[in-house]
């Protein structure tokens, strides 16, 4: 009964074709993020099930998030209940963590993620950060600074390419990479990255990086599109922004909807995290209206500030001694 009640509000989310996409394969422009402070698997599973009923088909996880198992179980249940026809209906992204970012550990790390997800393949596999850490049997979210080591760009990327050739992932990409670091990959890659997932919202618009990625046919995916308010790493500076509130009032929308709409109008994909049924629905109500030139005038004047500088990756002995070296700014 609950399923039939959801059918009228099902939204068909549009997609963007990735650069190396085979016939007709698209990445839905909005996905559900699963990076959370408190990992409650039952809450996560319920949110994924609800999201699928509403029309979400893109789900973003990572080995470091600790949410691959719950996501995989929810998808398995959705398939059994007939909420999905086939796994092919979905677009699943996961990521390579620092401890596994070594040439010989990449393929085993993805195979481990696939076992946890209970899947034969993911749609997109990303290098989580442009830095490695000493291998560890136990996943370390907080890496001791003395364990940080430079990323072997060539070795790790060749192993990512191998993941794609083996069919373990349909596409490969990066996350938190600057233009300069992507250039380093492109110098030797035979399969270029399809996606660069980065922090992006009206208060951190990433204009130059977006222009660079567009010139290389790399799709930008935005995380923390609402400033990650409520999380340990987030801020309220996006949701409390007066200009965004004015734009939202003028359209009869929420600040969150304005942010999400702005991102997809930039040609980017957005990964938004919410486990609240009404907000999940609200976040999909962004496709039948548009921002005006006047709205853009206001958004373009919002002061820019990176929320997640990642000071924990800065050490006196490197690989990054300053934030400028990490972000190439």
C-alpha atoms as a PDB file:
ATOM      1  CA  UNK A   1       0.000   0.000   0.000  1.00  0.00           C
ATOM      2  CA  UNK A   2       2.798   2.405   0.918  1.00  0.00           C
ATOM      3  CA  UNK A   3       4.371   1.855  -2.493  1.00  0.00           C
ATOM      4  CA  UNK A   4       1.152   2.684  -4.388  1.00  0.00           C
ATOM      5  CA  UNK A   5       0.753   5.859  -2.348  1.00  0.00           C
ATOM      6  CA  UNK A   6       4.190   7.012  -3.503  1.00  0.00           C
ATOM      7  CA  UNK A   7       3.616   6.443  -7.227  1.00  0.00           C
ATOM      8  CA  UNK A   8       1.946   9.825  -7.978  1.00  0.00           C
ATOM      9  CA  UNK A   9       4.952  11.776  -6.665  1.00  0.00           C
ATOM     10  CA  UNK A  10       7.568   9.710  -8.522  1.00  0.00           C
ATOM     11  CA  UNK A  11       9.899  12.088 -10.363  1.00  0.00           C
ATOM     12  CA  UNK A  12      11.879  11.089 -13.435  1.00  0.00           C
ATOM     13  CA  UNK A  13      15.274  12.677 -12.780  1.00  0.00           C
ATOM     14  CA  UNK A  14      17.143  13.855 -15.915  1.00  0.00           C
ATOM     15  CA  UNK A  15      20.703  12.725 -16.569  1.00  0.00           C
ATOM     16  CA  UNK A  16      24.001  13.904 -18.023  1.00  0.00           C
ATOM     17  CA  UNK A  17      25.989  11.734 -20.419  1.00  0.00           C
ATOM     18  CA  UNK A  18      29.528  11.039 -19.246  1.00  0.00           C
ATOM     19  CA  UNK A  19      32.447  11.568 -21.632  1.00  0.00           C
ATOM     20  CA  UNK A  20      33.315   7.899 -22.097  1.00  0.00           C
ATOM     21  CA  UNK A  21      29.713   6.727 -21.818  1.00  0.00           C
ATOM     22  CA  UNK A  22      28.522   3.849 -23.900  1.00  0.00           C
ATOM     23  CA  UNK A  23      25.221   4.166 -25.728  1.00  0.00           C
ATOM     24  CA  UNK A  24      22.611   5.916 -23.655  1.00  0.00           C
ATOM     25  CA  UNK A  25      24.308   5.659 -20.239  1.00  0.00           C
ATOM     26  CA  UNK A  26      23.650   8.779 -18.193  1.00  0.00           C
ATOM     27  CA  UNK A  27      24.398   9.944 -14.659  1.00  0.00           C
ATOM     28  CA  UNK A  28      21.264  11.311 -12.925  1.00  0.00           C
ATOM     29  CA  UNK A  29      21.765  15.003 -12.121  1.00  0.00           C
ATOM     30  CA  UNK A  30      20.823  14.552  -8.464  1.00  0.00           C
ATOM     31  CA  UNK A  31      21.938  11.775  -6.159  1.00  0.00           C
ATOM     32  CA  UNK A  32      21.514  10.857  -2.514  1.00  0.00           C
ATOM     33  CA  UNK A  33      24.698  11.290  -0.473  1.00  0.00           C
ATOM     34  CA  UNK A  34      25.478   8.883   2.369  1.00  0.00           C
ATOM     35  CA  UNK A  35      28.354  10.573   4.261  1.00  0.00           C
ATOM     36  CA  UNK A  36      27.076  10.802   7.831  1.00  0.00           C
ATOM     37  CA  UNK A  37      28.478  11.499  11.292  1.00  0.00           C
ATOM     38  CA  UNK A  38      26.381   8.812  13.009  1.00  0.00           C
ATOM     39  CA  UNK A  39      26.077   5.578  11.070  1.00  0.00           C
ATOM     40  CA  UNK A  40      22.607   4.186  11.838  1.00  0.00           C
ATOM     41  CA  UNK A  41      22.131   1.443   9.263  1.00  0.00           C
ATOM     42  CA  UNK A  42      18.360   1.179   9.775  1.00  0.00           C
ATOM     43  CA  UNK A  43      17.869   4.925   9.259  1.00  0.00           C
ATOM     44  CA  UNK A  44      20.089   4.775   6.181  1.00  0.00           C
ATOM     45  CA  UNK A  45      18.213   1.823   4.683  1.00  0.00           C
ATOM     46  CA  UNK A  46      14.827   3.447   5.265  1.00  0.00           C
ATOM     47  CA  UNK A  47      16.038   6.692   3.619  1.00  0.00           C
ATOM     48  CA  UNK A  48      17.355   4.814   0.575  1.00  0.00           C
ATOM     49  CA  UNK A  49      14.076   2.906   0.227  1.00  0.00           C
ATOM     50  CA  UNK A  50      12.085   6.129   0.472  1.00  0.00           C
ATOM     51  CA  UNK A  51      14.408   7.833  -2.018  1.00  0.00           C
ATOM     52  CA  UNK A  52      13.920   5.009  -4.532  1.00  0.00           C
ATOM     53  CA  UNK A  53      10.124   5.323  -4.200  1.00  0.00           C
ATOM     54  CA  UNK A  54      10.402   9.055  -4.917  1.00  0.00           C
ATOM     55  CA  UNK A  55      12.520   8.600  -8.035  1.00  0.00           C
ATOM     56  CA  UNK A  56      16.159   8.770  -6.865  1.00  0.00           C
ATOM     57  CA  UNK A  57      18.354   6.459  -8.926  1.00  0.00           C
ATOM     58  CA  UNK A  58      21.810   7.862  -8.126  1.00  0.00           C
ATOM     59  CA  UNK A  59      23.448   6.977  -4.789  1.00  0.00           C
ATOM     60  CA  UNK A  60      26.864   8.151  -3.618  1.00  0.00           C
ATOM     61  CA  UNK A  61      28.914   6.270  -1.025  1.00  0.00           C
ATOM     62  CA  UNK A  62      32.569   5.541  -0.165  1.00  0.00           C
ATOM     63  CA  UNK A  63      34.495   2.896   1.722  1.00  0.00           C
ATOM     64  CA  UNK A  64      35.458   5.612   4.222  1.00  0.00           C
ATOM     65  CA  UNK A  65      31.810   6.514   4.927  1.00  0.00           C
ATOM     66  CA  UNK A  66      31.018   3.058   6.318  1.00  0.00           C
ATOM     67  CA  UNK A  67      27.661   3.130   4.507  1.00  0.00           C
ATOM     68  CA  UNK A  68      28.287   0.726   1.617  1.00  0.00           C
ATOM     69  CA  UNK A  69      26.725  -2.238   3.440  1.00  0.00           C
ATOM     70  CA  UNK A  70      23.499  -0.436   4.386  1.00  0.00           C
ATOM     71  CA  UNK A  71      23.156   0.988   0.867  1.00  0.00           C
ATOM     72  CA  UNK A  72      23.664  -2.421  -0.723  1.00  0.00           C
ATOM     73  CA  UNK A  73      21.147  -4.072   1.607  1.00  0.00           C
ATOM     74  CA  UNK A  74      18.537  -1.384   0.922  1.00  0.00           C
ATOM     75  CA  UNK A  75      18.965  -1.770  -2.848  1.00  0.00           C
ATOM     76  CA  UNK A  76      18.724  -5.555  -2.567  1.00  0.00           C
ATOM     77  CA  UNK A  77      15.487  -5.170  -0.610  1.00  0.00           C
ATOM     78  CA  UNK A  78      14.110  -2.640  -3.112  1.00  0.00           C
ATOM     79  CA  UNK A  79      14.762  -5.105  -5.943  1.00  0.00           C
ATOM     80  CA  UNK A  80      13.017  -7.923  -4.049  1.00  0.00           C
ATOM     81  CA  UNK A  81       9.999  -5.681  -3.368  1.00  0.00           C
ATOM     82  CA  UNK A  82       9.770  -4.670  -7.010  1.00  0.00           C
ATOM     83  CA  UNK A  83      10.527  -0.984  -6.353  1.00  0.00           C
ATOM     84  CA  UNK A  84      13.273  -1.401  -8.951  1.00  0.00           C
ATOM     85  CA  UNK A  85      13.134  -3.552 -12.062  1.00  0.00           C
ATOM     86  CA  UNK A  86      16.882  -4.166 -12.253  1.00  0.00           C
ATOM     87  CA  UNK A  87      20.230  -3.054 -10.815  1.00  0.00           C
ATOM     88  CA  UNK A  88      20.858  -1.374 -14.179  1.00  0.00           C
ATOM     89  CA  UNK A  89      18.247   1.246 -13.226  1.00  0.00           C
ATOM     90  CA  UNK A  90      20.698   2.668 -10.685  1.00  0.00           C
ATOM     91  CA  UNK A  91      23.858   4.750 -10.780  1.00  0.00           C
ATOM     92  CA  UNK A  92      26.137   3.866  -7.852  1.00  0.00           C
ATOM     93  CA  UNK A  93      29.326   5.754  -6.963  1.00  0.00           C
ATOM     94  CA  UNK A  94      31.909   4.671  -4.412  1.00  0.00           C
ATOM     95  CA  UNK A  95      35.447   5.843  -3.684  1.00  0.00           C
ATOM     96  CA  UNK A  96      39.002   4.654  -3.074  1.00  0.00           C
ATOM     97  CA  UNK A  97      40.258   5.630   0.388  1.00  0.00           C
ATOM     98  CA  UNK A  98      43.762   6.884   1.217  1.00  0.00           C
ATOM     99  CA  UNK A  99      45.062   3.647   2.768  1.00  0.00           C
ATOM    100  CA  UNK A 100      44.210   1.776  -0.442  1.00  0.00           C
ATOM    101  CA  UNK A 101      45.471   4.449  -2.849  1.00  0.00           C
ATOM    102  CA  UNK A 102      48.455   2.344  -3.993  1.00  0.00           C
ATOM    103  CA  UNK A 103      48.865   0.675  -7.383  1.00  0.00           C
ATOM    104  CA  UNK A 104      48.572  -2.908  -6.072  1.00  0.00           C
ATOM    105  CA  UNK A 105      45.695  -2.191  -3.670  1.00  0.00           C
ATOM    106  CA  UNK A 106      43.214  -0.411  -5.966  1.00  0.00           C
ATOM    107  CA  UNK A 107      41.615  -3.457  -7.618  1.00  0.00           C
ATOM    108  CA  UNK A 108      41.382  -5.394  -4.303  1.00  0.00           C
ATOM    109  CA  UNK A 109      39.853  -2.316  -2.613  1.00  0.00           C
ATOM    110  CA  UNK A 110      37.129  -2.041  -5.252  1.00  0.00           C
ATOM    111  CA  UNK A 111      36.453  -5.780  -5.084  1.00  0.00           C
ATOM    112  CA  UNK A 112      36.035  -5.418  -1.307  1.00  0.00           C
ATOM    113  CA  UNK A 113      33.602  -2.503  -1.789  1.00  0.00           C
ATOM    114  CA  UNK A 114      31.628  -4.598  -4.280  1.00  0.00           C
ATOM    115  CA  UNK A 115      31.348  -7.470  -1.793  1.00  0.00           C
ATOM    116  CA  UNK A 116      30.119  -5.022   0.848  1.00  0.00           C
ATOM    117  CA  UNK A 117      27.621  -3.487  -1.584  1.00  0.00           C
ATOM    118  CA  UNK A 118      26.568  -6.983  -2.797  1.00  0.00           C
ATOM    119  CA  UNK A 119      27.105  -5.854  -6.396  1.00  0.00           C
ATOM    120  CA  UNK A 120      29.034  -7.055  -9.429  1.00  0.00           C
ATOM    121  CA  UNK A 121      30.025  -3.529 -10.450  1.00  0.00           C
ATOM    122  CA  UNK A 122      29.658   0.139  -9.574  1.00  0.00           C
ATOM    123  CA  UNK A 123      28.890   2.813 -12.123  1.00  0.00           C
ATOM    124  CA  UNK A 124      31.608   5.207 -10.967  1.00  0.00           C
ATOM    125  CA  UNK A 125      34.770   4.717  -8.901  1.00  0.00           C
ATOM    126  CA  UNK A 126      36.589   7.808  -7.657  1.00  0.00           C
ATOM    127  CA  UNK A 127      39.986   8.477  -6.072  1.00  0.00           C
ATOM    128  CA  UNK A 128      38.724  10.124  -2.888  1.00  0.00           C
ATOM    129  CA  UNK A 129      41.658  12.531  -2.350  1.00  0.00           C
ATOM    130  CA  UNK A 130      44.895  13.393  -4.197  1.00  0.00           C
ATOM    131  CA  UNK A 131      46.934  11.890  -1.345  1.00  0.00           C
ATOM    132  CA  UNK A 132      47.745   8.415  -0.027  1.00  0.00           C
ATOM    133  CA  UNK A 133      48.358   6.930   3.392  1.00  0.00           C
ATOM    134  CA  UNK A 134      50.328   3.921   4.523  1.00  0.00           C
ATOM    135  CA  UNK A 135      48.334   0.716   3.964  1.00  0.00           C
ATOM    136  CA  UNK A 136      46.277  -0.399   6.935  1.00  0.00           C
ATOM    137  CA  UNK A 137      44.219  -3.540   7.524  1.00  0.00           C
ATOM    138  CA  UNK A 138      41.648  -1.416   9.352  1.00  0.00           C
ATOM    139  CA  UNK A 139      40.050   1.530   7.604  1.00  0.00           C
ATOM    140  CA  UNK A 140      41.223   4.808   9.158  1.00  0.00           C
ATOM    141  CA  UNK A 141      38.949   7.809   8.716  1.00  0.00           C
ATOM    142  CA  UNK A 142      41.373   9.938  10.704  1.00  0.00           C
ATOM    143  CA  UNK A 143      44.823   9.279   9.295  1.00  0.00           C
ATOM    144  CA  UNK A 144      47.807   9.969  11.561  1.00  0.00           C
ATOM    145  CA  UNK A 145      49.795  12.737   9.889  1.00  0.00           C
ATOM    146  CA  UNK A 146      52.967  10.649   9.938  1.00  0.00           C
ATOM    147  CA  UNK A 147      51.169   8.044   7.778  1.00  0.00           C
ATOM    148  CA  UNK A 148      50.383  10.461   4.939  1.00  0.00           C
ATOM    149  CA  UNK A 149      52.385   9.823   1.761  1.00  0.00           C
ATOM    150  CA  UNK A 150      52.365  11.257  -1.769  1.00  0.00           C
ATOM    151  CA  UNK A 151      49.889   9.783  -4.237  1.00  0.00           C
ATOM    152  CA  UNK A 152      51.509   7.744  -7.008  1.00  0.00           C
ATOM    153  CA  UNK A 153      49.374   9.389  -9.692  1.00  0.00           C
ATOM    154  CA  UNK A 154      50.513   7.179 -12.560  1.00  0.00           C
ATOM    155  CA  UNK A 155      50.464   3.874 -10.693  1.00  0.00           C
ATOM    156  CA  UNK A 156      47.128   4.461  -8.993  1.00  0.00           C
ATOM    157  CA  UNK A 157      45.448   5.808 -12.127  1.00  0.00           C
ATOM    158  CA  UNK A 158      46.652   2.850 -14.190  1.00  0.00           C
ATOM    159  CA  UNK A 159      45.062   0.584 -11.564  1.00  0.00           C
ATOM    160  CA  UNK A 160      41.828   2.630 -11.782  1.00  0.00           C
ATOM    161  CA  UNK A 161      41.869   2.107 -15.548  1.00  0.00           C
ATOM    162  CA  UNK A 162      42.308  -1.609 -14.929  1.00  0.00           C
ATOM    163  CA  UNK A 163      39.181  -1.548 -12.724  1.00  0.00           C
ATOM    164  CA  UNK A 164      37.226  -0.168 -15.675  1.00  0.00           C
ATOM    165  CA  UNK A 165      38.699  -2.650 -18.149  1.00  0.00           C
ATOM    166  CA  UNK A 166      37.809  -5.528 -15.803  1.00  0.00           C
ATOM    167  CA  UNK A 167      34.186  -4.333 -15.687  1.00  0.00           C
ATOM    168  CA  UNK A 168      34.316  -3.673 -11.947  1.00  0.00           C
ATOM    169  CA  UNK A 169      33.262  -0.077 -12.670  1.00  0.00           C
ATOM    170  CA  UNK A 170      31.681   1.531 -15.719  1.00  0.00           C
ATOM    171  CA  UNK A 171      33.525   4.853 -15.248  1.00  0.00           C
ATOM    172  CA  UNK A 172      36.412   6.235 -13.227  1.00  0.00           C
ATOM    173  CA  UNK A 173      37.114   9.675 -11.850  1.00  0.00           C
ATOM    174  CA  UNK A 174      38.531  11.764  -9.041  1.00  0.00           C
ATOM    175  CA  UNK A 175      37.392  13.778  -6.048  1.00  0.00           C
ATOM    176  CA  UNK A 176      38.881  16.914  -4.487  1.00  0.00           C
ATOM    177  CA  UNK A 177      41.333  17.321  -7.385  1.00  0.00           C
ATOM    178  CA  UNK A 178      42.478  20.760  -8.561  1.00  0.00           C
ATOM    179  CA  UNK A 179      42.906  21.616 -12.252  1.00  0.00           C
ATOM    180  CA  UNK A 180      46.666  21.194 -11.877  1.00  0.00           C
ATOM    181  CA  UNK A 181      46.305  17.713 -10.380  1.00  0.00           C
ATOM    182  CA  UNK A 182      43.898  16.652 -13.122  1.00  0.00           C
ATOM    183  CA  UNK A 183      46.409  17.908 -15.706  1.00  0.00           C
ATOM    184  CA  UNK A 184      48.973  15.593 -14.121  1.00  0.00           C
ATOM    185  CA  UNK A 185      46.626  12.635 -14.667  1.00  0.00           C
ATOM    186  CA  UNK A 186      45.734  13.620 -18.207  1.00  0.00           C
ATOM    187  CA  UNK A 187      49.423  13.672 -19.164  1.00  0.00           C
ATOM    188  CA  UNK A 188      49.573   9.858 -19.084  1.00  0.00           C
ATOM    189  CA  UNK A 189      46.014   8.521 -18.790  1.00  0.00           C
ATOM    190  CA  UNK A 190      44.588   6.302 -21.516  1.00  0.00           C
ATOM    191  CA  UNK A 191      41.108   6.575 -19.956  1.00  0.00           C
ATOM    192  CA  UNK A 192      40.554  10.152 -18.746  1.00  0.00           C
ATOM    193  CA  UNK A 193      38.523  10.843 -15.593  1.00  0.00           C
ATOM    194  CA  UNK A 194      34.802  11.186 -16.305  1.00  0.00           C
ATOM    195  CA  UNK A 195      33.988  13.075 -13.087  1.00  0.00           C
ATOM    196  CA  UNK A 196      35.593  15.348 -10.488  1.00  0.00           C
ATOM    197  CA  UNK A 197      33.550  15.462  -7.274  1.00  0.00           C
ATOM    198  CA  UNK A 198      34.245  18.605  -5.251  1.00  0.00           C
ATOM    199  CA  UNK A 199      32.758  20.938  -2.677  1.00  0.00           C
ATOM    200  CA  UNK A 200      30.446  23.295  -4.559  1.00  0.00           C
ATOM    201  CA  UNK A 201      27.591  25.586  -3.557  1.00  0.00           C
ATOM    202  CA  UNK A 202      26.652  29.262  -4.029  1.00  0.00           C
ATOM    203  CA  UNK A 203      29.186  30.209  -1.310  1.00  0.00           C
ATOM    204  CA  UNK A 204      31.985  28.190  -2.993  1.00  0.00           C
ATOM    205  CA  UNK A 205      31.221  28.283  -6.692  1.00  0.00           C
ATOM    206  CA  UNK A 206      34.425  26.779  -8.133  1.00  0.00           C
ATOM    207  CA  UNK A 207      34.162  28.872 -11.315  1.00  0.00           C
ATOM    208  CA  UNK A 208      37.713  28.303 -12.611  1.00  0.00           C
ATOM    209  CA  UNK A 209      37.709  24.591 -11.805  1.00  0.00           C
ATOM    210  CA  UNK A 210      34.337  24.157 -13.520  1.00  0.00           C
ATOM    211  CA  UNK A 211      35.583  25.933 -16.639  1.00  0.00           C
ATOM    212  CA  UNK A 212      38.684  23.742 -16.726  1.00  0.00           C
ATOM    213  CA  UNK A 213      36.695  20.527 -16.260  1.00  0.00           C
ATOM    214  CA  UNK A 214      34.252  21.546 -18.983  1.00  0.00           C
ATOM    215  CA  UNK A 215      37.152  22.130 -21.388  1.00  0.00           C
ATOM    216  CA  UNK A 216      38.311  18.544 -20.701  1.00  0.00           C
ATOM    217  CA  UNK A 217      34.805  16.991 -20.908  1.00  0.00           C
ATOM    218  CA  UNK A 218      34.907  16.159 -17.198  1.00  0.00           C
ATOM    219  CA  UNK A 219      31.605  16.419 -15.323  1.00  0.00           C
ATOM    220  CA  UNK A 220      31.722  18.202 -11.957  1.00  0.00           C
ATOM    221  CA  UNK A 221      29.723  16.653  -9.111  1.00  0.00           C
ATOM    222  CA  UNK A 222      28.938  18.942  -6.178  1.00  0.00           C
ATOM    223  CA  UNK A 223      29.070  17.674  -2.618  1.00  0.00           C
ATOM    224  CA  UNK A 224      27.970  19.790   0.368  1.00  0.00           C
ATOM    225  CA  UNK A 225      25.612  21.721  -1.947  1.00  0.00           C
ATOM    226  CA  UNK A 226      23.853  23.228   1.075  1.00  0.00           C
ATOM    227  CA  UNK A 227      27.001  23.848   3.093  1.00  0.00           C
ATOM    228  CA  UNK A 228      26.671  20.523   4.977  1.00  0.00           C
ATOM    229  CA  UNK A 229      24.722  22.313   7.717  1.00  0.00           C
ATOM    230  CA  UNK A 230      24.269  20.044  10.721  1.00  0.00           C
ATOM    231  CA  UNK A 231      27.363  17.921  10.082  1.00  0.00           C
ATOM    232  CA  UNK A 232      30.649  18.108  11.978  1.00  0.00           C
ATOM    233  CA  UNK A 233      32.389  19.582   8.911  1.00  0.00           C
ATOM    234  CA  UNK A 234      29.608  21.900   7.782  1.00  0.00           C
ATOM    235  CA  UNK A 235      28.463  25.488   8.201  1.00  0.00           C
ATOM    236  CA  UNK A 236      25.205  27.465   8.118  1.00  0.00           C
ATOM    237  CA  UNK A 237      26.649  30.146   5.856  1.00  0.00           C
ATOM    238  CA  UNK A 238      24.768  28.808   2.820  1.00  0.00           C
ATOM    239  CA  UNK A 239      21.367  28.126   4.380  1.00  0.00           C
ATOM    240  CA  UNK A 240      21.415  31.438   6.302  1.00  0.00           C
ATOM    241  CA  UNK A 241      22.511  33.560   3.350  1.00  0.00           C
ATOM    242  CA  UNK A 242      20.180  36.539   2.949  1.00  0.00           C
ATOM    243  CA  UNK A 243      20.474  36.741  -0.847  1.00  0.00           C
ATOM    244  CA  UNK A 244      19.518  33.080  -1.198  1.00  0.00           C
ATOM    245  CA  UNK A 245      16.588  33.590   1.190  1.00  0.00           C
ATOM    246  CA  UNK A 246      15.326  36.484  -0.959  1.00  0.00           C
ATOM    247  CA  UNK A 247      15.589  34.381  -4.129  1.00  0.00           C
ATOM    248  CA  UNK A 248      13.772  31.484  -2.430  1.00  0.00           C
ATOM    249  CA  UNK A 249      10.939  33.769  -1.265  1.00  0.00           C
ATOM    250  CA  UNK A 250      10.551  35.242  -4.754  1.00  0.00           C
ATOM    251  CA  UNK A 251      10.083  31.769  -6.275  1.00  0.00           C
ATOM    252  CA  UNK A 252       8.081  30.249  -3.424  1.00  0.00           C
ATOM    253  CA  UNK A 253      10.891  27.754  -2.899  1.00  0.00           C
ATOM    254  CA  UNK A 254      13.318  26.880  -0.107  1.00  0.00           C
ATOM    255  CA  UNK A 255      16.961  27.969   0.102  1.00  0.00           C
ATOM    256  CA  UNK A 256      17.922  24.320  -0.418  1.00  0.00           C
ATOM    257  CA  UNK A 257      15.936  24.160  -3.660  1.00  0.00           C
ATOM    258  CA  UNK A 258      17.565  27.379  -4.896  1.00  0.00           C
ATOM    259  CA  UNK A 259      21.041  25.945  -4.220  1.00  0.00           C
ATOM    260  CA  UNK A 260      20.286  22.652  -5.951  1.00  0.00           C
ATOM    261  CA  UNK A 261      18.691  24.402  -8.919  1.00  0.00           C
ATOM    262  CA  UNK A 262      21.690  26.721  -9.242  1.00  0.00           C
ATOM    263  CA  UNK A 263      24.071  23.736  -9.342  1.00  0.00           C
ATOM    264  CA  UNK A 264      22.229  21.842 -12.069  1.00  0.00           C
ATOM    265  CA  UNK A 265      21.935  25.058 -14.102  1.00  0.00           C
ATOM    266  CA  UNK A 266      25.756  25.150 -14.083  1.00  0.00           C
ATOM    267  CA  UNK A 267      25.771  21.781 -15.851  1.00  0.00           C
ATOM    268  CA  UNK A 268      26.975  20.016 -12.705  1.00  0.00           C
ATOM    269  CA  UNK A 269      25.650  16.933 -10.905  1.00  0.00           C
ATOM    270  CA  UNK A 270      24.624  17.352  -7.274  1.00  0.00           C
ATOM    271  CA  UNK A 271      24.819  14.907  -4.367  1.00  0.00           C
ATOM    272  CA  UNK A 272      22.529  16.001  -1.538  1.00  0.00           C
ATOM    273  CA  UNK A 273      22.202  14.221   1.794  1.00  0.00           C
ATOM    274  CA  UNK A 274      18.920  14.006   3.664  1.00  0.00           C
ATOM    275  CA  UNK A 275      17.218  11.147   5.456  1.00  0.00           C
ATOM    276  CA  UNK A 276      14.013  13.146   5.992  1.00  0.00           C
ATOM    277  CA  UNK A 277      11.124  12.048   3.743  1.00  0.00           C
ATOM    278  CA  UNK A 278       9.772  15.555   3.105  1.00  0.00           C
ATOM    279  CA  UNK A 279      13.205  17.007   2.343  1.00  0.00           C
ATOM    280  CA  UNK A 280      14.000  14.104   0.035  1.00  0.00           C
ATOM    281  CA  UNK A 281      10.843  14.989  -1.900  1.00  0.00           C
ATOM    282  CA  UNK A 282      11.576  18.730  -1.732  1.00  0.00           C
ATOM    283  CA  UNK A 283      15.070  18.238  -3.138  1.00  0.00           C
ATOM    284  CA  UNK A 284      13.585  16.724  -6.304  1.00  0.00           C
ATOM    285  CA  UNK A 285      11.254  19.687  -6.874  1.00  0.00           C
ATOM    286  CA  UNK A 286      13.849  21.603  -8.872  1.00  0.00           C
ATOM    287  CA  UNK A 287      13.142  20.703 -12.485  1.00  0.00           C
ATOM    288  CA  UNK A 288      10.097  22.764 -13.534  1.00  0.00           C
ATOM    289  CA  UNK A 289      11.330  26.283 -12.777  1.00  0.00           C
ATOM    290  CA  UNK A 290      14.475  28.359 -13.386  1.00  0.00           C
ATOM    291  CA  UNK A 291      16.562  31.106 -11.826  1.00  0.00           C
ATOM    292  CA  UNK A 292      16.380  34.571 -13.387  1.00  0.00           C
ATOM    293  CA  UNK A 293      19.147  36.959 -14.435  1.00  0.00           C
ATOM    294  CA  UNK A 294      18.309  39.006 -11.351  1.00  0.00           C
ATOM    295  CA  UNK A 295      18.810  35.879  -9.192  1.00  0.00           C
ATOM    296  CA  UNK A 296      22.204  35.331 -10.816  1.00  0.00           C
ATOM    297  CA  UNK A 297      23.225  38.920 -10.090  1.00  0.00           C
ATOM    298  CA  UNK A 298      22.642  38.213  -6.391  1.00  0.00           C
ATOM    299  CA  UNK A 299      24.292  34.782  -6.385  1.00  0.00           C
ATOM    300  CA  UNK A 300      27.379  36.106  -8.175  1.00  0.00           C
ATOM    301  CA  UNK A 301      27.916  38.614  -5.366  1.00  0.00           C
ATOM    302  CA  UNK A 302      27.950  36.041  -2.542  1.00  0.00           C
ATOM    303  CA  UNK A 303      31.351  36.075  -0.761  1.00  0.00           C
ATOM    304  CA  UNK A 304      33.331  32.912  -1.523  1.00  0.00           C
ATOM    305  CA  UNK A 305      34.726  30.683   1.202  1.00  0.00           C
ATOM    306  CA  UNK A 306      35.842  27.043   1.184  1.00  0.00           C
ATOM    307  CA  UNK A 307      34.199  25.191   4.064  1.00  0.00           C
ATOM    308  CA  UNK A 308      36.373  22.101   4.088  1.00  0.00           C
ATOM    309  CA  UNK A 309      40.033  23.157   3.741  1.00  0.00           C
ATOM    310  CA  UNK A 310      41.324  19.866   5.243  1.00  0.00           C
ATOM    311  CA  UNK A 311      44.084  21.124   7.509  1.00  0.00           C
ATOM    312  CA  UNK A 312      44.559  17.542   8.719  1.00  0.00           C
ATOM    313  CA  UNK A 313      46.323  16.760   5.432  1.00  0.00           C
ATOM    314  CA  UNK A 314      48.901  19.512   5.938  1.00  0.00           C
ATOM    315  CA  UNK A 315      52.202  18.459   7.541  1.00  0.00           C
ATOM    316  CA  UNK A 316      55.650  20.072   7.818  1.00  0.00           C
ATOM    317  CA  UNK A 317      57.207  17.170   5.899  1.00  0.00           C
ATOM    318  CA  UNK A 318      54.542  16.880   3.188  1.00  0.00           C
ATOM    319  CA  UNK A 319      53.277  15.599   0.882  1.00  0.00           C
ATOM    320  CA  UNK A 320      51.384  18.895   1.300  1.00  0.00           C
ATOM    321  CA  UNK A 321      53.072  21.489   3.502  1.00  0.00           C
ATOM    322  CA  UNK A 322      50.434  24.179   2.942  1.00  0.00           C
ATOM    323  CA  UNK A 323      46.775  24.407   1.964  1.00  0.00           C
ATOM    324  CA  UNK A 324      47.948  26.230  -1.159  1.00  0.00           C
ATOM    325  CA  UNK A 325      49.860  23.087  -2.199  1.00  0.00           C
ATOM    326  CA  UNK A 326      46.823  20.864  -1.531  1.00  0.00           C
ATOM    327  CA  UNK A 327      44.394  23.010  -3.504  1.00  0.00           C
ATOM    328  CA  UNK A 328      46.854  24.726  -5.909  1.00  0.00           C
ATOM    329  CA  UNK A 329      45.401  28.113  -5.063  1.00  0.00           C
END
